[in-house]
Amino acid sequence: MQAFLSQRVVTPGGIQPAAILVEAGQIQSVVPPDGVPVRVETHDFGEAAILPGLVDSHVHINDPGRADWEGFETATRAAAAGGYTLLVDMPLNCLPATTSVFGLELKRAAARERCRVDWAAWGGVVHHNQDDIAALAAAGVLGFKCFLVHPGIDGFTMVTEQQLKAALPHVARTGLPLLVHAELPGPIDKVTETLVHADWRHYATYLQSRPDEAELSAIRLLLSLCRQYKFRLHIVHLSTSQALRELSAARSELLPVSVETCPHYLHLASETIGEGATLHKCAPPIRSRENREQLWQGLRDGIIDLIATDHSPCPPEMKRLDEGNFKTAWGGISSLSVALPVIWTEASSRGFSLLDIAHWMAEGPARLAGCHLRKGRIAAGYDADLVVFDPYSEFLLSKERLHYRHPVSPYLGETLRGVVEATYLRGTLVFAQGEFPGVPIGREFRPES
C-alpha cells in the first residue's frame, strides 16, 4: 500500500489535508493525515496540491498514419507532463479515420505499449458510415464526433443536415454522446465571398471569415435535432458567447446537451493577435476580450460544463509561419503540456479555486466520456490517477516544457502560474521534474474495463 499526503487534497467534498491510500493502482480510501497505517510507503507533498488526474476529452493524436504530426508516444508524454492521465482521441487526422471497426483496430495496434497515460477513442460519423455506428459502439468507442463544416482535411467528411438526420437514430440507440463541431458553412461561405481581395496576414480577416453566426445557426439546428431524436448532444470548442443564452434555455428544457470550451478561448483575445501570427489560428476562431469574459461567466453559471484542449498539432511548416497567411495555415493549437497552468493563470485571477479546475478538467470530461466511475475524482474505488500541482509558482514558458512532437505554441514566452510537479497513473509515477520514469504503462480505457 502507498499513501499520498498533502495539506491540500482536492476531493469532491472540498480541499483538505488528507492522505490518499492506494493499493493495486486503486484508491482504497481518503483519510486524515494521521490515519496512515504503519509500514506504508508514504509520499508527503506538503503544501503542494494533489488533484485528480486530468481527463482531456478532445485530443487529436493523429496516429496511425500521421505520427509525423503527433503520435501516441509524444502525445501521451506531453499529457503526463501536463497532469493528464486519460486522453480521448478524436477520429480524424489519423489514417484511416476511426469511422469503422477496422480503423479502430488499427489505432489500437498503433497505441500498444507506447502510451505514458491511458487513452480511449471517439468514433466518427461521416456521410456514408451510418451502418458502422452500432458496430463501433459495440467495439468500445466512447461516443462519436461529426463536423457540420469541412474539417480542413481530406479523409473525414462533413455531414449535411440530411446526412446527420440519417445517422442520428443509430447514434441515439447507442446511448453514447455525439460531439459536434458546430459551425455551418452557409454563413462562412457568404462572408468569404466578400474577402477575395482582403489581406490574409491580418487576423481580423480570418476572424471575419468565421462569424459568430456560423456557430449560432449550427447550435440552433443541433438543439432542434436533439429535441426530435433524443440523442446526447455535446458542443465541442464553443467560441462564441452569443450562444450561451440559447444553451442555457436548452438546459432549462432538460435537453441532454453539454458544452465545452478550450484554453485558447479563455486566455487569448483577438485584439492581441499580431499580423501573421498564425500559431493562433484555430476553428472556430479566438474572439474578443469581451467574448472571452462572457465565456468565463458561462463557466461560472454552469452553462459550459468542461474545458478540453482541442490539442491539434501539425508540422510547423503547415502553420505558414514564414508567410503568415491565416487563410492557408493549419487551424489548430497544441496545449497538452500547458493547459492546466494556462487555465489556472486565468481562473485564479477571477476567484476560482482548484475545486473548479477539478470539475472542469477532470470530472466533467470523465462524465462526458462515460468513465466517471473510475476517472476524474479522488475517492475510494477510483483509479489512483493523481497530479501534484504547485499553484503558486510561476514560470516562463519555453520549448523545453512542451514535450509534444513539434514544440510550437502561441503561449511561448508567457509567464504562467502553476507547476505540475508530478503525475501518477494508477499509483505509478509517470512524470516528475521534467522526466518520464519507467516504461509506458498507459492502456486503453474501455467501458467494460
Protein backbone atom coordinates (compact mmCIF):
# COMPACT_ATOMS: atom_id res chain seq x y z
CA MET A 1 0.00 0.00 0.00
CA GLN A 2 1.04 3.61 -0.66
CA ALA A 3 -0.06 6.83 1.00
CA PHE A 4 -0.06 10.20 -0.80
CA LEU A 5 -0.24 13.11 1.64
CA SER A 6 -0.85 16.80 1.16
CA GLN A 7 -2.23 19.74 3.08
CA ARG A 8 -4.44 20.37 0.02
CA VAL A 9 -6.05 17.29 -1.43
CA VAL A 10 -8.78 18.22 -3.92
CA THR A 11 -11.66 15.84 -3.24
CA PRO A 12 -15.33 16.06 -4.31
CA GLY A 13 -16.12 17.23 -0.78
CA GLY A 14 -13.59 20.05 -0.75
CA ILE A 15 -9.90 20.87 -0.42
CA GLN A 16 -8.49 19.44 2.80
CA PRO A 17 -5.42 17.96 4.49
CA ALA A 18 -5.61 14.26 3.75
CA ALA A 19 -3.85 11.03 2.93
CA ILE A 20 -4.84 9.03 -0.14
CA LEU A 21 -4.38 5.32 0.48
CA VAL A 22 -3.62 3.39 -2.69
CA GLU A 23 -3.31 -0.32 -3.35
CA ALA A 24 -3.06 -2.20 -6.64
CA GLY A 25 -3.47 1.05 -8.56
CA GLN A 26 -6.77 1.97 -6.96
CA ILE A 27 -7.72 4.46 -4.25
CA GLN A 28 -8.79 2.47 -1.18
CA SER A 29 -9.75 5.43 0.98
CA VAL A 30 -9.09 9.08 1.74
CA VAL A 31 -8.25 9.57 5.42
CA PRO A 32 -6.93 12.32 7.73
CA PRO A 33 -3.14 12.71 7.58
CA ASP A 34 -2.74 10.96 10.93
CA GLY A 35 -4.76 8.00 9.70
CA VAL A 36 -1.98 6.41 7.64
CA PRO A 37 -1.30 2.80 8.70
CA VAL A 38 2.18 1.88 9.87
CA ARG A 39 4.74 0.47 7.46
CA VAL A 40 3.14 2.11 4.43
CA GLU A 41 5.20 3.69 1.65
CA THR A 42 4.47 7.39 2.09
CA HIS A 43 4.78 10.31 -0.33
CA ASP A 44 4.31 13.62 1.51
CA PHE A 45 3.92 16.64 -0.80
CA GLY A 46 3.38 19.20 1.92
CA GLU A 47 1.73 22.39 0.65
CA ALA A 48 1.60 21.27 -2.99
CA ALA A 49 -1.94 20.35 -4.00
CA ILE A 50 -2.99 16.90 -5.15
CA LEU A 51 -5.59 17.00 -7.92
CA PRO A 52 -7.32 14.09 -9.63
CA GLY A 53 -5.62 13.13 -12.88
CA LEU A 54 -6.96 15.38 -15.63
CA VAL A 55 -9.05 13.97 -18.47
CA ASP A 56 -8.83 15.52 -21.93
CA SER A 57 -11.86 14.56 -23.99
CA HIS A 58 -10.72 16.43 -27.12
CA VAL A 59 -7.30 15.44 -28.45
CA HIS A 60 -6.00 14.81 -31.97
CA ILE A 61 -3.25 12.21 -31.62
CA ASN A 62 -3.13 11.59 -35.42
CA ASP A 63 -1.86 8.03 -35.06
CA PRO A 64 -1.77 5.86 -37.16
CA GLY A 65 -0.87 7.49 -40.43
CA ARG A 66 0.26 10.94 -39.35
CA ALA A 67 2.60 10.25 -36.46
CA ASP A 68 4.90 12.86 -38.01
CA TRP A 69 2.26 15.37 -36.83
CA GLU A 70 1.86 13.75 -33.43
CA GLY A 71 1.71 10.17 -32.17
CA PHE A 72 0.81 8.14 -29.12
CA GLU A 73 4.34 8.35 -27.72
CA THR A 74 4.67 12.12 -27.93
CA ALA A 75 1.05 13.00 -27.16
CA THR A 76 0.90 10.88 -24.01
CA ARG A 77 4.32 12.13 -22.90
CA ALA A 78 3.07 15.71 -23.21
CA ALA A 79 -0.13 14.72 -21.40
CA ALA A 80 1.77 13.27 -18.44
CA ALA A 81 3.80 16.48 -18.19
CA GLY A 82 0.56 18.47 -18.19
CA GLY A 83 -1.19 16.46 -15.48
CA TYR A 84 -3.44 14.50 -17.84
CA THR A 85 -3.90 10.78 -17.17
CA LEU A 86 -6.56 9.97 -19.80
CA LEU A 87 -6.86 11.25 -23.37
CA VAL A 88 -9.87 10.60 -25.60
CA ASP A 89 -8.69 10.68 -29.20
CA MET A 90 -10.66 12.30 -31.98
CA PRO A 91 -11.42 10.13 -35.04
CA LEU A 92 -9.87 12.38 -37.70
CA ASN A 93 -6.40 13.38 -38.87
CA CYS A 94 -5.27 9.78 -38.46
CA LEU A 95 -5.17 7.47 -41.49
CA PRO A 96 -7.55 5.78 -41.75
CA ALA A 97 -10.09 7.80 -39.78
CA THR A 98 -11.81 5.99 -36.91
CA THR A 99 -15.07 5.59 -38.81
CA SER A 100 -15.14 1.78 -38.79
CA VAL A 101 -14.09 -1.05 -36.51
CA PHE A 102 -11.22 -1.70 -38.91
CA GLY A 103 -9.91 1.81 -38.32
CA LEU A 104 -10.36 1.42 -34.56
CA GLU A 105 -8.32 -1.78 -34.50
CA LEU A 106 -5.51 -0.12 -36.45
CA LYS A 107 -5.49 2.66 -33.86
CA ARG A 108 -5.28 0.12 -31.06
CA ALA A 109 -2.31 -1.51 -32.76
CA ALA A 110 -0.59 1.88 -33.09
CA ALA A 111 -1.11 2.61 -29.38
CA ARG A 112 0.09 -0.71 -28.00
CA GLU A 113 2.90 -0.35 -25.43
CA ARG A 114 3.57 3.26 -26.46
CA CYS A 115 1.39 5.29 -24.08
CA ARG A 116 2.54 7.12 -20.96
CA VAL A 117 -1.09 7.71 -19.89
CA ASP A 118 -4.40 5.98 -20.57
CA TRP A 119 -6.36 6.65 -23.72
CA ALA A 120 -9.72 5.94 -25.36
CA ALA A 121 -11.29 6.62 -28.74
CA TRP A 122 -14.22 8.53 -30.16
CA GLY A 123 -15.72 7.10 -33.35
CA GLY A 124 -16.53 9.25 -36.35
CA VAL A 125 -19.85 9.98 -38.06
CA VAL A 126 -19.32 10.82 -41.73
CA HIS A 127 -21.61 10.94 -44.75
CA HIS A 128 -21.50 7.23 -45.56
CA ASN A 129 -20.98 5.23 -42.35
CA GLN A 130 -24.40 5.01 -40.68
CA ASP A 131 -24.13 1.21 -40.72
CA ASP A 132 -20.83 1.34 -38.80
CA ILE A 133 -22.16 3.27 -35.81
CA ALA A 134 -23.58 0.36 -33.81
CA ALA A 135 -20.51 -1.79 -34.53
CA LEU A 136 -18.17 0.97 -33.34
CA ALA A 137 -20.16 1.32 -30.13
CA ALA A 138 -20.01 -2.43 -29.52
CA ALA A 139 -16.26 -2.38 -30.21
CA GLY A 140 -15.63 0.14 -27.45
CA VAL A 141 -15.64 3.75 -28.68
CA LEU A 142 -16.93 6.13 -26.02
CA GLY A 143 -19.07 8.19 -28.39
CA PHE A 144 -18.99 9.87 -31.79
CA LYS A 145 -17.76 13.04 -33.47
CA CYS A 146 -19.01 14.82 -36.58
CA PHE A 147 -18.46 18.07 -38.46
CA LEU A 148 -21.15 20.30 -39.93
CA VAL A 149 -18.49 22.17 -41.92
CA HIS A 150 -15.46 20.98 -43.87
CA PRO A 151 -12.90 19.80 -41.27
CA GLY A 152 -9.95 21.23 -43.15
CA ILE A 153 -8.56 17.84 -44.10
CA ASP A 154 -9.38 15.05 -46.52
CA GLY A 155 -10.33 11.61 -45.26
CA PHE A 156 -13.09 12.72 -42.89
CA THR A 157 -16.20 14.19 -44.50
CA MET A 158 -18.57 16.72 -43.04
CA VAL A 159 -22.25 15.79 -42.79
CA THR A 160 -25.15 17.76 -44.18
CA GLU A 161 -28.38 18.15 -42.25
CA GLN A 162 -29.94 15.27 -44.19
CA GLN A 163 -26.95 13.00 -43.63
CA LEU A 164 -26.98 13.85 -39.94
CA LYS A 165 -30.67 13.00 -39.72
CA ALA A 166 -29.92 9.63 -41.30
CA ALA A 167 -27.24 8.92 -38.67
CA LEU A 168 -28.99 10.20 -35.56
CA PRO A 169 -31.34 7.24 -34.97
CA HIS A 170 -28.27 4.97 -34.98
CA VAL A 171 -26.42 7.26 -32.56
CA ALA A 172 -29.43 7.59 -30.26
CA ARG A 173 -29.77 3.82 -29.97
CA THR A 174 -26.21 3.52 -28.67
CA GLY A 175 -26.88 5.92 -25.80
CA LEU A 176 -23.46 7.46 -26.42
CA PRO A 177 -22.83 11.18 -26.93
CA LEU A 178 -22.44 12.84 -30.32
CA LEU A 179 -19.75 15.51 -30.23
CA VAL A 180 -20.30 18.13 -32.91
CA HIS A 181 -18.10 20.78 -34.46
CA ALA A 182 -20.87 23.35 -34.55
CA GLU A 183 -20.31 25.67 -37.48
CA LEU A 184 -22.47 25.74 -40.61
CA PRO A 185 -20.82 26.52 -43.95
CA GLY A 186 -23.52 28.93 -45.19
CA PRO A 187 -22.55 31.97 -43.07
CA ILE A 188 -18.85 31.24 -43.66
CA ASP A 189 -19.25 31.00 -47.43
CA LYS A 190 -21.31 34.18 -47.53
CA VAL A 191 -18.65 36.21 -45.75
CA THR A 192 -15.72 34.61 -47.57
CA GLU A 193 -17.12 35.80 -50.89
CA THR A 194 -16.53 39.36 -49.71
CA LEU A 195 -12.91 38.73 -48.73
CA VAL A 196 -11.46 37.94 -52.16
CA HIS A 197 -9.11 40.93 -52.03
CA ALA A 198 -8.57 41.00 -48.26
CA ASP A 199 -5.16 40.80 -46.62
CA TRP A 200 -4.99 37.35 -45.01
CA ARG A 201 -1.96 38.30 -42.91
CA HIS A 202 -4.35 40.25 -40.70
CA TYR A 203 -6.04 38.20 -38.00
CA ALA A 204 -9.10 40.43 -38.38
CA THR A 205 -9.60 38.99 -41.87
CA TYR A 206 -9.61 35.43 -40.58
CA LEU A 207 -11.89 36.35 -37.68
CA GLN A 208 -14.33 37.96 -40.10
CA SER A 209 -14.30 34.78 -42.22
CA ARG A 210 -15.63 32.63 -39.31
CA PRO A 211 -18.54 34.71 -37.99
CA ASP A 212 -20.45 34.05 -34.78
CA GLU A 213 -23.49 33.30 -36.91
CA ALA A 214 -21.86 30.12 -38.22
CA GLU A 215 -21.78 28.75 -34.67
CA LEU A 216 -25.16 30.14 -33.68
CA SER A 217 -27.00 28.68 -36.66
CA ALA A 218 -25.35 25.30 -36.14
CA ILE A 219 -26.22 25.21 -32.44
CA ARG A 220 -29.83 26.13 -33.17
CA LEU A 221 -30.05 23.30 -35.70
CA LEU A 222 -28.49 20.83 -33.27
CA LEU A 223 -30.82 21.76 -30.43
CA SER A 224 -33.78 21.25 -32.75
CA LEU A 225 -32.47 17.83 -33.77
CA CYS A 226 -31.81 16.97 -30.13
CA ARG A 227 -35.48 17.58 -29.37
CA GLN A 228 -36.51 15.41 -32.29
CA TYR A 229 -34.12 12.46 -31.98
CA LYS A 230 -33.44 12.45 -28.21
CA PHE A 231 -29.69 11.87 -28.54
CA ARG A 232 -26.95 13.06 -26.19
CA LEU A 233 -25.53 16.22 -27.74
CA HIS A 234 -22.15 17.70 -26.88
CA ILE A 235 -20.96 21.00 -28.37
CA VAL A 236 -17.19 20.98 -28.75
CA HIS A 237 -14.92 24.03 -28.50
CA LEU A 238 -17.58 26.72 -28.03
CA SER A 239 -16.01 30.02 -29.01
CA THR A 240 -18.94 32.42 -29.28
CA SER A 241 -20.54 33.68 -26.10
CA GLN A 242 -23.60 34.66 -28.13
CA ALA A 243 -24.82 31.06 -27.90
CA LEU A 244 -24.86 30.95 -24.09
CA ARG A 245 -28.41 32.20 -23.69
CA GLU A 246 -29.87 29.56 -26.01
CA LEU A 247 -27.76 26.82 -24.46
CA SER A 248 -28.96 27.87 -21.02
CA ALA A 249 -32.57 27.70 -22.23
CA ALA A 250 -31.91 24.21 -23.59
CA ARG A 251 -30.72 23.17 -20.14
CA SER A 252 -33.90 24.56 -18.59
CA GLU A 253 -35.79 22.50 -21.14
CA LEU A 254 -33.87 19.44 -19.83
CA LEU A 255 -32.39 18.63 -23.21
CA PRO A 256 -29.43 16.22 -22.93
CA VAL A 257 -26.85 18.78 -24.05
CA SER A 258 -23.38 19.54 -22.70
CA VAL A 259 -20.79 22.12 -23.73
CA GLU A 260 -17.02 22.55 -23.68
CA THR A 261 -14.68 25.40 -24.34
CA CYS A 262 -10.88 25.46 -24.63
CA PRO A 263 -7.86 27.14 -23.02
CA HIS A 264 -7.17 29.35 -26.04
CA TYR A 265 -10.65 30.87 -25.93
CA LEU A 266 -10.30 31.55 -22.19
CA HIS A 267 -6.80 33.02 -22.28
CA LEU A 268 -6.20 34.71 -25.64
CA ALA A 269 -8.08 37.56 -27.32
CA SER A 270 -8.35 38.72 -30.91
CA GLU A 271 -7.18 42.24 -30.06
CA THR A 272 -3.71 40.97 -29.11
CA ILE A 273 -3.07 38.65 -32.08
CA GLY A 274 -0.46 40.26 -34.30
CA GLU A 275 -0.09 40.31 -38.06
CA GLY A 276 0.94 36.94 -39.43
CA ALA A 277 0.72 35.25 -36.00
CA THR A 278 -0.67 32.02 -37.44
CA LEU A 279 0.15 29.98 -34.34
CA HIS A 280 -3.12 31.48 -33.06
CA LYS A 281 -5.25 30.09 -35.88
CA CYS A 282 -7.97 27.64 -34.85
CA ALA A 283 -11.58 27.00 -35.81
CA PRO A 284 -13.84 28.39 -34.52
CA PRO A 285 -11.61 31.41 -34.03
CA ILE A 286 -10.37 33.19 -30.95
CA ARG A 287 -12.71 36.13 -30.48
CA SER A 288 -12.65 39.39 -28.49
CA ARG A 289 -11.74 40.13 -24.88
CA GLU A 290 -15.38 40.83 -24.11
CA ASN A 291 -16.35 37.47 -25.63
CA ARG A 292 -13.66 35.77 -23.51
CA GLU A 293 -15.07 37.26 -20.31
CA GLN A 294 -18.55 36.07 -21.23
CA LEU A 295 -17.20 32.52 -21.69
CA TRP A 296 -15.77 32.71 -18.17
CA GLN A 297 -19.20 33.79 -16.99
CA GLY A 298 -20.65 30.79 -18.81
CA LEU A 299 -18.34 28.55 -16.77
CA ARG A 300 -19.35 30.35 -13.57
CA ASP A 301 -23.03 29.90 -14.41
CA GLY A 302 -22.62 26.22 -15.26
CA ILE A 303 -23.72 26.64 -18.89
CA ILE A 304 -20.28 25.45 -20.03
CA ASP A 305 -19.56 22.07 -18.44
CA LEU A 306 -15.91 21.43 -19.09
CA ILE A 307 -12.61 22.55 -20.57
CA ALA A 308 -10.84 20.39 -23.16
CA THR A 309 -7.70 21.28 -25.07
CA ASP A 310 -8.60 20.51 -28.70
CA HIS A 311 -4.88 19.70 -28.95
CA SER A 312 -4.49 19.80 -32.74
CA PRO A 313 -0.83 19.57 -33.77
CA CYS A 314 0.83 19.66 -37.17
CA PRO A 315 4.35 20.07 -38.57
CA PRO A 316 5.44 23.70 -38.12
CA GLU A 317 5.58 24.37 -41.87
CA MET A 318 1.81 23.82 -42.03
CA LYS A 319 1.30 26.87 -39.82
CA ARG A 320 2.79 29.01 -42.65
CA LEU A 321 4.97 30.86 -40.16
CA ASP A 322 7.17 32.41 -42.86
CA GLU A 323 4.34 33.89 -44.91
CA GLY A 324 1.93 34.45 -42.02
CA ASN A 325 -1.11 33.60 -44.15
CA PHE A 326 -4.18 32.90 -42.00
CA LYS A 327 -6.08 31.57 -45.00
CA THR A 328 -3.69 28.73 -45.82
CA ALA A 329 -2.26 27.98 -42.35
CA TRP A 330 -3.38 24.86 -40.48
CA GLY A 331 -6.06 25.64 -37.90
CA GLY A 332 -5.07 24.07 -34.62
CA ILE A 333 -3.43 24.88 -31.29
CA SER A 334 -1.36 22.42 -29.25
CA SER A 335 -1.55 22.76 -25.48
CA LEU A 336 -1.47 19.37 -23.72
CA SER A 337 1.58 20.20 -21.60
CA VAL A 338 0.45 23.67 -20.55
CA ALA A 339 -3.36 23.69 -20.46
CA LEU A 340 -3.50 23.41 -16.67
CA PRO A 341 -1.24 26.40 -15.93
CA VAL A 342 -2.88 28.41 -18.73
CA ILE A 343 -6.30 27.85 -17.19
CA TRP A 344 -5.10 28.27 -13.61
CA THR A 345 -3.40 31.58 -14.52
CA GLU A 346 -6.77 32.90 -15.68
CA ALA A 347 -9.06 31.11 -13.20
CA SER A 348 -7.12 32.07 -10.08
CA SER A 349 -7.20 35.73 -11.08
CA ARG A 350 -11.00 35.54 -11.30
CA GLY A 351 -11.57 33.97 -7.90
CA PHE A 352 -12.00 30.35 -8.96
CA SER A 353 -10.45 27.53 -6.94
CA LEU A 354 -8.76 24.20 -7.59
CA LEU A 355 -12.17 22.61 -6.98
CA ASP A 356 -13.36 24.35 -10.13
CA ILE A 357 -10.31 23.10 -12.03
CA ALA A 358 -11.03 19.53 -10.95
CA HIS A 359 -14.66 19.89 -12.02
CA TRP A 360 -13.87 21.40 -15.45
CA MET A 361 -10.76 19.42 -16.37
CA ALA A 362 -11.19 16.04 -14.66
CA GLU A 363 -14.70 15.16 -13.51
CA GLY A 364 -16.57 16.93 -16.34
CA PRO A 365 -14.66 15.35 -19.23
CA ALA A 366 -14.76 11.96 -17.48
CA ARG A 367 -18.54 12.20 -17.25
CA LEU A 368 -18.83 13.09 -20.94
CA ALA A 369 -16.70 10.08 -21.85
CA GLY A 370 -18.59 7.71 -19.57
CA CYS A 371 -15.58 6.91 -17.40
CA HIS A 372 -16.70 8.97 -14.40
CA LEU A 373 -16.98 5.96 -12.11
CA ARG A 374 -13.25 5.25 -12.49
CA LYS A 375 -11.63 8.51 -13.55
CA GLY A 376 -11.75 12.19 -12.60
CA ARG A 377 -12.10 12.07 -8.81
CA ILE A 378 -10.05 11.43 -5.71
CA ALA A 379 -12.35 8.99 -3.97
CA ALA A 380 -12.44 5.36 -2.90
CA GLY A 381 -12.82 2.95 -5.82
CA TYR A 382 -11.29 5.31 -8.38
CA ASP A 383 -8.04 4.78 -10.26
CA ALA A 384 -5.15 6.34 -8.37
CA ASP A 385 -4.56 8.95 -11.07
CA LEU A 386 -3.06 11.93 -9.26
CA VAL A 387 -1.42 15.26 -10.11
CA VAL A 388 0.91 17.05 -7.73
CA PHE A 389 0.46 20.73 -8.52
CA ASP A 390 2.11 23.83 -7.07
CA PRO A 391 -0.49 26.56 -7.63
CA TYR A 392 1.77 29.42 -6.52
CA SER A 393 4.95 29.00 -8.57
CA GLU A 394 5.31 30.87 -11.85
CA PHE A 395 7.44 30.04 -14.87
CA LEU A 396 8.34 31.45 -18.26
CA LEU A 397 7.14 29.02 -20.92
CA SER A 398 9.95 27.70 -23.11
CA LYS A 399 10.02 24.96 -25.72
CA GLU A 400 11.60 22.54 -23.24
CA ARG A 401 8.32 22.34 -21.31
CA LEU A 402 6.12 21.38 -24.26
CA HIS A 403 7.11 17.72 -24.76
CA TYR A 404 4.82 17.08 -27.74
CA ARG A 405 6.35 16.34 -31.15
CA HIS A 406 6.63 19.87 -32.55
CA PRO A 407 7.36 22.42 -29.79
CA VAL A 408 5.45 25.39 -31.20
CA SER A 409 2.84 27.29 -29.24
CA PRO A 410 1.16 30.71 -29.10
CA TYR A 411 1.90 30.65 -25.35
CA LEU A 412 5.70 30.57 -25.70
CA GLY A 413 7.35 33.41 -23.80
CA GLU A 414 4.41 33.93 -21.46
CA THR A 415 4.69 33.82 -17.68
CA LEU A 416 2.20 31.25 -16.41
CA ARG A 417 1.07 30.35 -12.92
CA GLY A 418 1.07 26.82 -11.53
CA VAL A 419 3.56 23.98 -11.99
CA VAL A 420 2.86 20.28 -12.45
CA GLU A 421 5.45 18.66 -10.20
CA ALA A 422 4.47 15.01 -10.67
CA THR A 423 1.83 12.84 -12.31
CA TYR A 424 0.83 9.35 -11.16
CA LEU A 425 -1.11 6.84 -13.26
CA ARG A 426 -2.80 4.19 -11.13
CA GLY A 427 -0.31 4.95 -8.35
CA THR A 428 2.78 4.72 -10.59
CA LEU A 429 4.93 7.78 -11.22
CA VAL A 430 4.86 8.69 -14.94
CA PHE A 431 6.22 12.25 -14.80
CA ALA A 432 8.34 14.24 -12.34
CA GLN A 433 10.64 17.24 -12.68
CA GLY A 434 10.77 17.05 -16.47
CA GLU A 435 11.47 13.32 -16.58
CA PHE A 436 9.36 10.30 -17.61
CA PRO A 437 10.48 7.34 -15.49
CA GLY A 438 9.90 3.71 -16.37
CA VAL A 439 8.30 2.10 -19.39
CA PRO A 440 4.96 3.22 -20.87
CA ILE A 441 2.10 1.72 -18.80
CA GLY A 442 -0.84 3.56 -20.33
CA ARG A 443 -3.67 1.43 -21.67
CA GLU A 444 -6.97 1.85 -23.44
CA PHE A 445 -9.97 2.63 -21.27
CA ARG A 446 -12.96 0.61 -22.46
CA PRO A 447 -16.46 0.82 -20.98
CA GLU A 448 -16.29 -2.76 -19.72
CA SER A 449 -12.72 -2.49 -18.41
